[in-house]
Amino acid sequence: MTKVSSRIGTVALVAVLLGLLAASIWFAAHSWTSVDGPPMPASGYIAMTLGVVFSIVIGCGLMALVFYSNRYGYDDEANDQRSAGDESSRTHQIR
């Protein structure tokens, strides 16, 4: 694969993803404005904002823990034990 075709593939992928993002934003905005009903009170907007912020903070914190655990090798011991367990179960099956 040449460098030019790789770059074209990357540009095409980014263009498709940006198109999907634009379509989802348009759909969300259109759905939000087309729903009939009583207006949401200020406390509803505050609760929704706090819920979104809390969810993003929890998600980022958990992802940070995953990267930290992976970088410092905390997952290696669990993977080594699982691999050892798989090998011992294979030897028991062969016998």
PDB file of N, CA and C in Angstrom:
ATOM      1  N   MET A   1       0.850  -1.167   0.000  1.00  0.00           N
ATOM      2  CA  MET A   1       0.000   0.000   0.000  1.00  0.00           C
ATOM      3  C   MET A   1       0.899   1.233   0.000  1.00  0.00           C
ATOM      4  N   THR A   2       0.621   2.130  -0.897  1.00  0.00           N
ATOM      5  CA  THR A   2       1.456   3.317  -0.995  1.00  0.00           C
ATOM      6  C   THR A   2       1.011   4.361   0.015  1.00  0.00           C
ATOM      7  N   LYS A   3       1.888   5.327   0.183  1.00  0.00           N
ATOM      8  CA  LYS A   3       1.613   6.382   1.147  1.00  0.00           C
ATOM      9  C   LYS A   3       0.421   7.238   0.713  1.00  0.00           C
ATOM     10  N   VAL A   4       0.271   7.444  -0.603  1.00  0.00           N
ATOM     11  CA  VAL A   4      -0.820   8.272  -1.115  1.00  0.00           C
ATOM     12  C   VAL A   4      -2.161   7.581  -0.896  1.00  0.00           C
ATOM     13  N   SER A   5      -2.246   6.282  -1.184  1.00  0.00           N
ATOM     14  CA  SER A   5      -3.514   5.586  -0.998  1.00  0.00           C
ATOM     15  C   SER A   5      -3.871   5.465   0.482  1.00  0.00           C
ATOM     16  N   SER A   6      -2.875   5.369   1.339  1.00  0.00           N
ATOM     17  CA  SER A   6      -3.127   5.334   2.771  1.00  0.00           C
ATOM     18  C   SER A   6      -3.682   6.679   3.237  1.00  0.00           C
ATOM     19  N   ARG A   7      -3.134   7.751   2.712  1.00  0.00           N
ATOM     20  CA  ARG A   7      -3.602   9.087   3.075  1.00  0.00           C
ATOM     21  C   ARG A   7      -5.015   9.326   2.566  1.00  0.00           C
ATOM     22  N   ILE A   8      -5.322   8.844   1.364  1.00  0.00           N
ATOM     23  CA  ILE A   8      -6.670   8.986   0.809  1.00  0.00           C
ATOM     24  C   ILE A   8      -7.663   8.207   1.660  1.00  0.00           C
ATOM     25  N   GLY A   9      -7.281   7.020   2.103  1.00  0.00           N
ATOM     26  CA  GLY A   9      -8.144   6.230   2.973  1.00  0.00           C
ATOM     27  C   GLY A   9      -8.409   6.924   4.290  1.00  0.00           C
ATOM     28  N   THR A  10      -7.385   7.549   4.855  1.00  0.00           N
ATOM     29  CA  THR A  10      -7.546   8.279   6.107  1.00  0.00           C
ATOM     30  C   THR A  10      -8.474   9.473   5.924  1.00  0.00           C
ATOM     31  N   VAL A  11      -8.291  10.209   4.839  1.00  0.00           N
ATOM     32  CA  VAL A  11      -9.149  11.366   4.568  1.00  0.00           C
ATOM     33  C   VAL A  11     -10.590  10.906   4.364  1.00  0.00           C
ATOM     34  N   ALA A  12     -10.787   9.811   3.649  1.00  0.00           N
ATOM     35  CA  ALA A  12     -12.140   9.303   3.422  1.00  0.00           C
ATOM     36  C   ALA A  12     -12.786   8.878   4.738  1.00  0.00           C
ATOM     37  N   LEU A  13     -12.041   8.208   5.590  1.00  0.00           N
ATOM     38  CA  LEU A  13     -12.566   7.783   6.889  1.00  0.00           C
ATOM     39  C   LEU A  13     -12.962   8.987   7.736  1.00  0.00           C
ATOM     40  N   VAL A  14     -12.101   9.997   7.793  1.00  0.00           N
ATOM     41  CA  VAL A  14     -12.401  11.194   8.577  1.00  0.00           C
ATOM     42  C   VAL A  14     -13.615  11.909   7.999  1.00  0.00           C
ATOM     43  N   ALA A  15     -13.729  11.976   6.670  1.00  0.00           N
ATOM     44  CA  ALA A  15     -14.884  12.637   6.043  1.00  0.00           C
ATOM     45  C   ALA A  15     -16.177  11.906   6.388  1.00  0.00           C
ATOM     46  N   VAL A  16     -16.161  10.584   6.339  1.00  0.00           N
ATOM     47  CA  VAL A  16     -17.361   9.814   6.679  1.00  0.00           C
ATOM     48  C   VAL A  16     -17.729  10.007   8.147  1.00  0.00           C
ATOM     49  N   LEU A  17     -16.745   9.963   9.035  1.00  0.00           N
ATOM     50  CA  LEU A  17     -17.014  10.141  10.458  1.00  0.00           C
ATOM     51  C   LEU A  17     -17.538  11.547  10.768  1.00  0.00           C
ATOM     52  N   LEU A  18     -16.978  12.566  10.108  1.00  0.00           N
ATOM     53  CA  LEU A  18     -17.485  13.919  10.303  1.00  0.00           C
ATOM     54  C   LEU A  18     -18.903  14.063   9.764  1.00  0.00           C
ATOM     55  N   GLY A  19     -19.200  13.389   8.652  1.00  0.00           N
ATOM     56  CA  GLY A  19     -20.561  13.398   8.123  1.00  0.00           C
ATOM     57  C   GLY A  19     -21.543  12.752   9.086  1.00  0.00           C
ATOM     58  N   LEU A  20     -21.144  11.632   9.674  1.00  0.00           N
ATOM     59  CA  LEU A  20     -22.000  10.978  10.674  1.00  0.00           C
ATOM     60  C   LEU A  20     -22.198  11.860  11.905  1.00  0.00           C
ATOM     61  N   LEU A  21     -21.146  12.543  12.333  1.00  0.00           N
ATOM     62  CA  LEU A  21     -21.258  13.456  13.464  1.00  0.00           C
ATOM     63  C   LEU A  21     -22.220  14.590  13.151  1.00  0.00           C
ATOM     64  N   ALA A  22     -22.087  15.184  11.962  1.00  0.00           N
ATOM     65  CA  ALA A  22     -22.983  16.276  11.569  1.00  0.00           C
ATOM     66  C   ALA A  22     -24.428  15.787  11.497  1.00  0.00           C
ATOM     67  N   ALA A  23     -24.648  14.591  10.935  1.00  0.00           N
ATOM     68  CA  ALA A  23     -26.002  14.055  10.840  1.00  0.00           C
ATOM     69  C   ALA A  23     -26.587  13.790  12.214  1.00  0.00           C
ATOM     70  N   SER A  24     -25.793  13.278  13.132  1.00  0.00           N
ATOM     71  CA  SER A  24     -26.311  12.996  14.476  1.00  0.00           C
ATOM     72  C   SER A  24     -26.612  14.288  15.228  1.00  0.00           C
ATOM     73  N   ILE A  25     -25.793  15.322  15.044  1.00  0.00           N
ATOM     74  CA  ILE A  25     -26.069  16.608  15.686  1.00  0.00           C
ATOM     75  C   ILE A  25     -27.341  17.215  15.113  1.00  0.00           C
ATOM     76  N   TRP A  26     -27.501  17.147  13.792  1.00  0.00           N
ATOM     77  CA  TRP A  26     -28.718  17.677  13.171  1.00  0.00           C
ATOM     78  C   TRP A  26     -29.944  16.923  13.682  1.00  0.00           C
ATOM     79  N   PHE A  27     -29.861  15.591  13.742  1.00  0.00           N
ATOM     80  CA  PHE A  27     -30.985  14.789  14.201  1.00  0.00           C
ATOM     81  C   PHE A  27     -31.339  15.117  15.653  1.00  0.00           C
ATOM     82  N   ALA A  28     -30.333  15.265  16.498  1.00  0.00           N
ATOM     83  CA  ALA A  28     -30.581  15.579  17.905  1.00  0.00           C
ATOM     84  C   ALA A  28     -31.232  16.953  18.038  1.00  0.00           C
ATOM     85  N   ALA A  29     -30.715  17.941  17.309  1.00  0.00           N
ATOM     86  CA  ALA A  29     -31.281  19.289  17.385  1.00  0.00           C
ATOM     87  C   ALA A  29     -32.699  19.315  16.832  1.00  0.00           C
ATOM     88  N   HIS A  30     -32.930  18.616  15.728  1.00  0.00           N
ATOM     89  CA  HIS A  30     -34.268  18.573  15.133  1.00  0.00           C
ATOM     90  C   HIS A  30     -35.248  17.864  16.068  1.00  0.00           C
ATOM     91  N   SER A  31     -34.827  16.765  16.669  1.00  0.00           N
ATOM     92  CA  SER A  31     -35.698  16.040  17.598  1.00  0.00           C
ATOM     93  C   SER A  31     -35.994  16.873  18.836  1.00  0.00           C
ATOM     94  N   TRP A  32     -34.992  17.606  19.315  1.00  0.00           N
ATOM     95  CA  TRP A  32     -35.161  18.414  20.515  1.00  0.00           C
ATOM     96  C   TRP A  32     -36.182  19.522  20.289  1.00  0.00           C
ATOM     97  N   THR A  33     -36.131  20.143  19.115  1.00  0.00           N
ATOM     98  CA  THR A  33     -37.019  21.281  18.866  1.00  0.00           C
ATOM     99  C   THR A  33     -38.399  20.856  18.386  1.00  0.00           C
ATOM    100  N   SER A  34     -38.551  19.651  17.881  1.00  0.00           N
ATOM    101  CA  SER A  34     -39.840  19.250  17.326  1.00  0.00           C
ATOM    102  C   SER A  34     -40.767  18.605  18.354  1.00  0.00           C
ATOM    103  N   VAL A  35     -40.293  18.321  19.542  1.00  0.00           N
ATOM    104  CA  VAL A  35     -41.112  17.683  20.563  1.00  0.00           C
ATOM    105  C   VAL A  35     -42.019  18.737  21.195  1.00  0.00           C
ATOM    106  N   ASP A  36     -43.310  18.438  21.207  1.00  0.00           N
ATOM    107  CA  ASP A  36     -44.266  19.357  21.842  1.00  0.00           C
ATOM    108  C   ASP A  36     -44.448  18.987  23.298  1.00  0.00           C
ATOM    109  N   GLY A  37     -44.771  19.966  24.086  1.00  0.00           N
ATOM    110  CA  GLY A  37     -45.024  19.727  25.492  1.00  0.00           C
ATOM    111  C   GLY A  37     -44.699  20.968  26.283  1.00  0.00           C
ATOM    112  N   PRO A  38     -44.875  20.891  27.568  1.00  0.00           N
ATOM    113  CA  PRO A  38     -44.569  22.063  28.388  1.00  0.00           C
ATOM    114  C   PRO A  38     -43.065  22.311  28.415  1.00  0.00           C
ATOM    115  N   PRO A  39     -42.660  23.554  28.564  1.00  0.00           N
ATOM    116  CA  PRO A  39     -41.221  23.840  28.604  1.00  0.00           C
ATOM    117  C   PRO A  39     -40.574  23.250  29.860  1.00  0.00           C
ATOM    118  N   MET A  40     -39.328  22.889  29.705  1.00  0.00           N
ATOM    119  CA  MET A  40     -38.609  22.320  30.848  1.00  0.00           C
ATOM    120  C   MET A  40     -38.220  23.449  31.803  1.00  0.00           C
ATOM    121  N   PRO A  41     -38.431  23.256  33.094  1.00  0.00           N
ATOM    122  CA  PRO A  41     -38.044  24.304  34.049  1.00  0.00           C
ATOM    123  C   PRO A  41     -36.524  24.375  34.181  1.00  0.00           C
ATOM    124  N   ALA A  42     -36.054  25.443  34.767  1.00  0.00           N
ATOM    125  CA  ALA A  42     -34.610  25.638  34.937  1.00  0.00           C
ATOM    126  C   ALA A  42     -33.989  24.511  35.745  1.00  0.00           C
ATOM    127  N   SER A  43     -34.719  23.983  36.722  1.00  0.00           N
ATOM    128  CA  SER A  43     -34.172  22.888  37.528  1.00  0.00           C
ATOM    129  C   SER A  43     -33.961  21.635  36.674  1.00  0.00           C
ATOM    130  N   GLY A  44     -34.779  21.457  35.642  1.00  0.00           N
ATOM    131  CA  GLY A  44     -34.593  20.329  34.732  1.00  0.00           C
ATOM    132  C   GLY A  44     -33.304  20.454  33.932  1.00  0.00           C
ATOM    133  N   TYR A  45     -33.034  21.678  33.443  1.00  0.00           N
ATOM    134  CA  TYR A  45     -31.786  21.901  32.712  1.00  0.00           C
ATOM    135  C   TYR A  45     -30.575  21.719  33.626  1.00  0.00           C
ATOM    136  N   ILE A  46     -30.688  22.168  34.863  1.00  0.00           N
ATOM    137  CA  ILE A  46     -29.578  22.001  35.813  1.00  0.00           C
ATOM    138  C   ILE A  46     -29.344  20.518  36.087  1.00  0.00           C
ATOM    139  N   ALA A  47     -30.420  19.766  36.313  1.00  0.00           N
ATOM    140  CA  ALA A  47     -30.285  18.330  36.579  1.00  0.00           C
ATOM    141  C   ALA A  47     -29.698  17.609  35.370  1.00  0.00           C
ATOM    142  N   MET A  48     -30.147  17.972  34.167  1.00  0.00           N
ATOM    143  CA  MET A  48     -29.622  17.321  32.975  1.00  0.00           C
ATOM    144  C   MET A  48     -28.137  17.640  32.795  1.00  0.00           C
ATOM    145  N   THR A  49     -27.756  18.899  33.005  1.00  0.00           N
ATOM    146  CA  THR A  49     -26.354  19.292  32.877  1.00  0.00           C
ATOM    147  C   THR A  49     -25.482  18.565  33.898  1.00  0.00           C
ATOM    148  N   LEU A  50     -25.951  18.501  35.139  1.00  0.00           N
ATOM    149  CA  LEU A  50     -25.181  17.791  36.170  1.00  0.00           C
ATOM    150  C   LEU A  50     -25.056  16.299  35.840  1.00  0.00           C
ATOM    151  N   GLY A  51     -26.113  15.704  35.308  1.00  0.00           N
ATOM    152  CA  GLY A  51     -26.057  14.296  34.927  1.00  0.00           C
ATOM    153  C   GLY A  51     -25.058  14.039  33.815  1.00  0.00           C
ATOM    154  N   VAL A  52     -25.049  14.913  32.818  1.00  0.00           N
ATOM    155  CA  VAL A  52     -24.100  14.754  31.706  1.00  0.00           C
ATOM    156  C   VAL A  52     -22.671  14.937  32.201  1.00  0.00           C
ATOM    157  N   VAL A  53     -22.432  15.993  32.979  1.00  0.00           N
ATOM    158  CA  VAL A  53     -21.079  16.256  33.490  1.00  0.00           C
ATOM    159  C   VAL A  53     -20.617  15.106  34.385  1.00  0.00           C
ATOM    160  N   PHE A  54     -21.488  14.628  35.269  1.00  0.00           N
ATOM    161  CA  PHE A  54     -21.136  13.527  36.156  1.00  0.00           C
ATOM    162  C   PHE A  54     -20.795  12.268  35.348  1.00  0.00           C
ATOM    163  N   SER A  55     -21.573  11.982  34.316  1.00  0.00           N
ATOM    164  CA  SER A  55     -21.309  10.803  33.489  1.00  0.00           C
ATOM    165  C   SER A  55     -19.978  10.916  32.759  1.00  0.00           C
ATOM    166  N   ILE A  56     -19.674  12.103  32.247  1.00  0.00           N
ATOM    167  CA  ILE A  56     -18.402  12.298  31.546  1.00  0.00           C
ATOM    168  C   ILE A  56     -17.235  12.172  32.516  1.00  0.00           C
ATOM    169  N   VAL A  57     -17.367  12.747  33.711  1.00  0.00           N
ATOM    170  CA  VAL A  57     -16.286  12.658  34.706  1.00  0.00           C
ATOM    171  C   VAL A  57     -16.045  11.205  35.111  1.00  0.00           C
ATOM    172  N   ILE A  58     -17.112  10.451  35.360  1.00  0.00           N
ATOM    173  CA  ILE A  58     -16.963   9.040  35.732  1.00  0.00           C
ATOM    174  C   ILE A  58     -16.326   8.252  34.585  1.00  0.00           C
ATOM    175  N   GLY A  59     -16.789   8.482  33.364  1.00  0.00           N
ATOM    176  CA  GLY A  59     -16.221   7.776  32.208  1.00  0.00           C
ATOM    177  C   GLY A  59     -14.748   8.090  32.021  1.00  0.00           C
ATOM    178  N   CYS A  60     -14.380   9.367  32.130  1.00  0.00           N
ATOM    179  CA  CYS A  60     -12.965   9.742  31.988  1.00  0.00           C
ATOM    180  C   CYS A  60     -12.127   9.164  33.119  1.00  0.00           C
ATOM    181  N   GLY A  61     -12.669   9.172  34.327  1.00  0.00           N
ATOM    182  CA  GLY A  61     -11.928   8.599  35.459  1.00  0.00           C
ATOM    183  C   GLY A  61     -11.689   7.112  35.292  1.00  0.00           C
ATOM    184  N   LEU A  62     -12.703   6.398  34.837  1.00  0.00           N
ATOM    185  CA  LEU A  62     -12.530   4.956  34.626  1.00  0.00           C
ATOM    186  C   LEU A  62     -11.542   4.668  33.495  1.00  0.00           C
ATOM    187  N   MET A  63     -11.602   5.456  32.430  1.00  0.00           N
ATOM    188  CA  MET A  63     -10.640   5.255  31.344  1.00  0.00           C
ATOM    189  C   MET A  63      -9.218   5.576  31.808  1.00  0.00           C
ATOM    190  N   ALA A  64      -9.074   6.614  32.638  1.00  0.00           N
ATOM    191  CA  ALA A  64      -7.754   6.938  33.179  1.00  0.00           C
ATOM    192  C   ALA A  64      -7.228   5.778  34.024  1.00  0.00           C
ATOM    193  N   LEU A  65      -8.099   5.156  34.815  1.00  0.00           N
ATOM    194  CA  LEU A  65      -7.670   4.002  35.610  1.00  0.00           C
ATOM    195  C   LEU A  65      -7.252   2.829  34.729  1.00  0.00           C
ATOM    196  N   VAL A  66      -7.954   2.617  33.623  1.00  0.00           N
ATOM    197  CA  VAL A  66      -7.591   1.537  32.705  1.00  0.00           C
ATOM    198  C   VAL A  66      -6.213   1.799  32.111  1.00  0.00           C
ATOM    199  N   PHE A  67      -5.972   3.035  31.652  1.00  0.00           N
ATOM    200  CA  PHE A  67      -4.667   3.353  31.066  1.00  0.00           C
ATOM    201  C   PHE A  67      -3.555   3.286  32.115  1.00  0.00           C
ATOM    202  N   TYR A  68      -3.830   3.768  33.314  1.00  0.00           N
ATOM    203  CA  TYR A  68      -2.838   3.720  34.393  1.00  0.00           C
ATOM    204  C   TYR A  68      -2.493   2.272  34.735  1.00  0.00           C
ATOM    205  N   SER A  69      -3.527   1.437  34.854  1.00  0.00           N
ATOM    206  CA  SER A  69      -3.321   0.035  35.185  1.00  0.00           C
ATOM    207  C   SER A  69      -2.521  -0.672  34.102  1.00  0.00           C
ATOM    208  N   ASN A  70      -2.820  -0.365  32.853  1.00  0.00           N
ATOM    209  CA  ASN A  70      -2.102  -0.988  31.748  1.00  0.00           C
ATOM    210  C   ASN A  70      -0.655  -0.514  31.692  1.00  0.00           C
ATOM    211  N   ARG A  71      -0.431   0.762  31.899  1.00  0.00           N
ATOM    212  CA  ARG A  71       0.917   1.311  31.791  1.00  0.00           C
ATOM    213  C   ARG A  71       1.847   0.778  32.878  1.00  0.00           C
ATOM    214  N   TYR A  72       1.349   0.619  34.086  1.00  0.00           N
ATOM    215  CA  TYR A  72       2.197   0.193  35.199  1.00  0.00           C
ATOM    216  C   TYR A  72       2.149  -1.300  35.469  1.00  0.00           C
ATOM    217  N   GLY A  73       1.520  -2.063  34.585  1.00  0.00           N
ATOM    218  CA  GLY A  73       1.610  -3.502  34.641  1.00  0.00           C
ATOM    219  C   GLY A  73       0.702  -4.188  35.631  1.00  0.00           C
ATOM    220  N   TYR A  74      -0.310  -3.505  36.141  1.00  0.00           N
ATOM    221  CA  TYR A  74      -1.210  -4.150  37.088  1.00  0.00           C
ATOM    222  C   TYR A  74      -2.037  -5.244  36.428  1.00  0.00           C
ATOM    223  N   ASP A  75      -2.223  -5.171  35.119  1.00  0.00           N
ATOM    224  CA  ASP A  75      -3.000  -6.186  34.414  1.00  0.00           C
ATOM    225  C   ASP A  75      -2.158  -7.406  34.054  1.00  0.00           C
ATOM    226  N   ASP A  76      -0.836  -7.261  34.047  1.00  0.00           N
ATOM    227  CA  ASP A  76       0.021  -8.358  33.618  1.00  0.00           C
ATOM    228  C   ASP A  76      -0.108  -9.573  34.528  1.00  0.00           C
ATOM    229  N   GLU A  77      -0.172  -9.351  35.823  1.00  0.00           N
ATOM    230  CA  GLU A  77      -0.264 -10.470  36.763  1.00  0.00           C
ATOM    231  C   GLU A  77      -1.555 -11.261  36.545  1.00  0.00           C
ATOM    232  N   ALA A  78      -2.647 -10.582  36.335  1.00  0.00           N
ATOM    233  CA  ALA A  78      -3.917 -11.272  36.102  1.00  0.00           C
ATOM    234  C   ALA A  78      -3.871 -12.052  34.788  1.00  0.00           C
ATOM    235  N   ASN A  79      -3.257 -11.481  33.766  1.00  0.00           N
ATOM    236  CA  ASN A  79      -3.148 -12.189  32.487  1.00  0.00           C
ATOM    237  C   ASN A  79      -2.222 -13.393  32.592  1.00  0.00           C
ATOM    238  N   ASP A  80      -1.148 -13.271  33.377  1.00  0.00           N
ATOM    239  CA  ASP A  80      -0.241 -14.397  33.555  1.00  0.00           C
ATOM    240  C   ASP A  80      -0.935 -15.541  34.285  1.00  0.00           C
ATOM    241  N   GLN A  81      -1.738 -15.219  35.305  1.00  0.00           N
ATOM    242  CA  GLN A  81      -2.453 -16.262  36.038  1.00  0.00           C
ATOM    243  C   GLN A  81      -3.489 -16.933  35.147  1.00  0.00           C
ATOM    244  N   ARG A  82      -4.155 -16.145  34.312  1.00  0.00           N
ATOM    245  CA  ARG A  82      -5.155 -16.715  33.418  1.00  0.00           C
ATOM    246  C   ARG A  82      -4.478 -17.629  32.387  1.00  0.00           C
ATOM    247  N   SER A  83      -3.322 -17.203  31.872  1.00  0.00           N
ATOM    248  CA  SER A  83      -2.613 -18.032  30.909  1.00  0.00           C
ATOM    249  C   SER A  83      -2.137 -19.322  31.551  1.00  0.00           C
ATOM    250  N   ALA A  84      -1.652 -19.228  32.791  1.00  0.00           N
ATOM    251  CA  ALA A  84      -1.196 -20.429  33.488  1.00  0.00           C
ATOM    252  C   ALA A  84      -2.374 -21.359  33.746  1.00  0.00           C
ATOM    253  N   GLY A  85      -3.514 -20.790  34.093  1.00  0.00           N
ATOM    254  CA  GLY A  85      -4.706 -21.601  34.314  1.00  0.00           C
ATOM    255  C   GLY A  85      -5.168 -22.276  33.033  1.00  0.00           C
ATOM    256  N   ASP A  86      -5.061 -21.604  31.909  1.00  0.00           N
ATOM    257  CA  ASP A  86      -5.448 -22.190  30.632  1.00  0.00           C
ATOM    258  C   ASP A  86      -4.525 -23.345  30.263  1.00  0.00           C
ATOM    259  N   GLU A  87      -3.223 -23.173  30.517  1.00  0.00           N
ATOM    260  CA  GLU A  87      -2.272 -24.228  30.174  1.00  0.00           C
ATOM    261  C   GLU A  87      -2.480 -25.454  31.052  1.00  0.00           C
ATOM    262  N   SER A  88      -2.761 -25.256  32.345  1.00  0.00           N
ATOM    263  CA  SER A  88      -2.958 -26.406  33.226  1.00  0.00           C
ATOM    264  C   SER A  88      -4.238 -27.139  32.861  1.00  0.00           C
ATOM    265  N   SER A  89      -5.271 -26.402  32.436  1.00  0.00           N
ATOM    266  CA  SER A  89      -6.501 -27.100  32.043  1.00  0.00           C
ATOM    267  C   SER A  89      -6.301 -27.850  30.723  1.00  0.00           C
ATOM    268  N   ARG A  90      -5.424 -27.362  29.872  1.00  0.00           N
ATOM    269  CA  ARG A  90      -5.137 -28.073  28.624  1.00  0.00           C
ATOM    270  C   ARG A  90      -4.391 -29.371  28.898  1.00  0.00           C
ATOM    271  N   THR A  91      -3.446 -29.334  29.859  1.00  0.00           N
ATOM    272  CA  THR A  91      -2.711 -30.554  30.143  1.00  0.00           C
ATOM    273  C   THR A  91      -3.610 -31.600  30.786  1.00  0.00           C
ATOM    274  N   HIS A  92      -4.572 -31.167  31.583  1.00  0.00           N
ATOM    275  CA  HIS A  92      -5.495 -32.124  32.182  1.00  0.00           C
ATOM    276  C   HIS A  92      -6.421 -32.737  31.138  1.00  0.00           C
ATOM    277  N   GLN A  93      -6.765 -31.971  30.139  1.00  0.00           N
ATOM    278  CA  GLN A  93      -7.629 -32.499  29.095  1.00  0.00           C
ATOM    279  C   GLN A  93      -6.894 -33.500  28.217  1.00  0.00           C
ATOM    280  N   ILE A  94      -5.603 -33.279  28.006  1.00  0.00           N
ATOM    281  CA  ILE A  94      -4.830 -34.161  27.131  1.00  0.00           C
ATOM    282  C   ILE A  94      -4.615 -35.502  27.797  1.00  0.00           C
ATOM    283  N   ARG A  95      -4.422 -35.528  29.086  1.00  0.00           N
ATOM    284  CA  ARG A  95      -4.141 -36.777  29.797  1.00  0.00           C
ATOM    285  C   ARG A  95      -5.302 -37.632  29.766  1.00  0.00           C
TER     286      ARG A  95
END
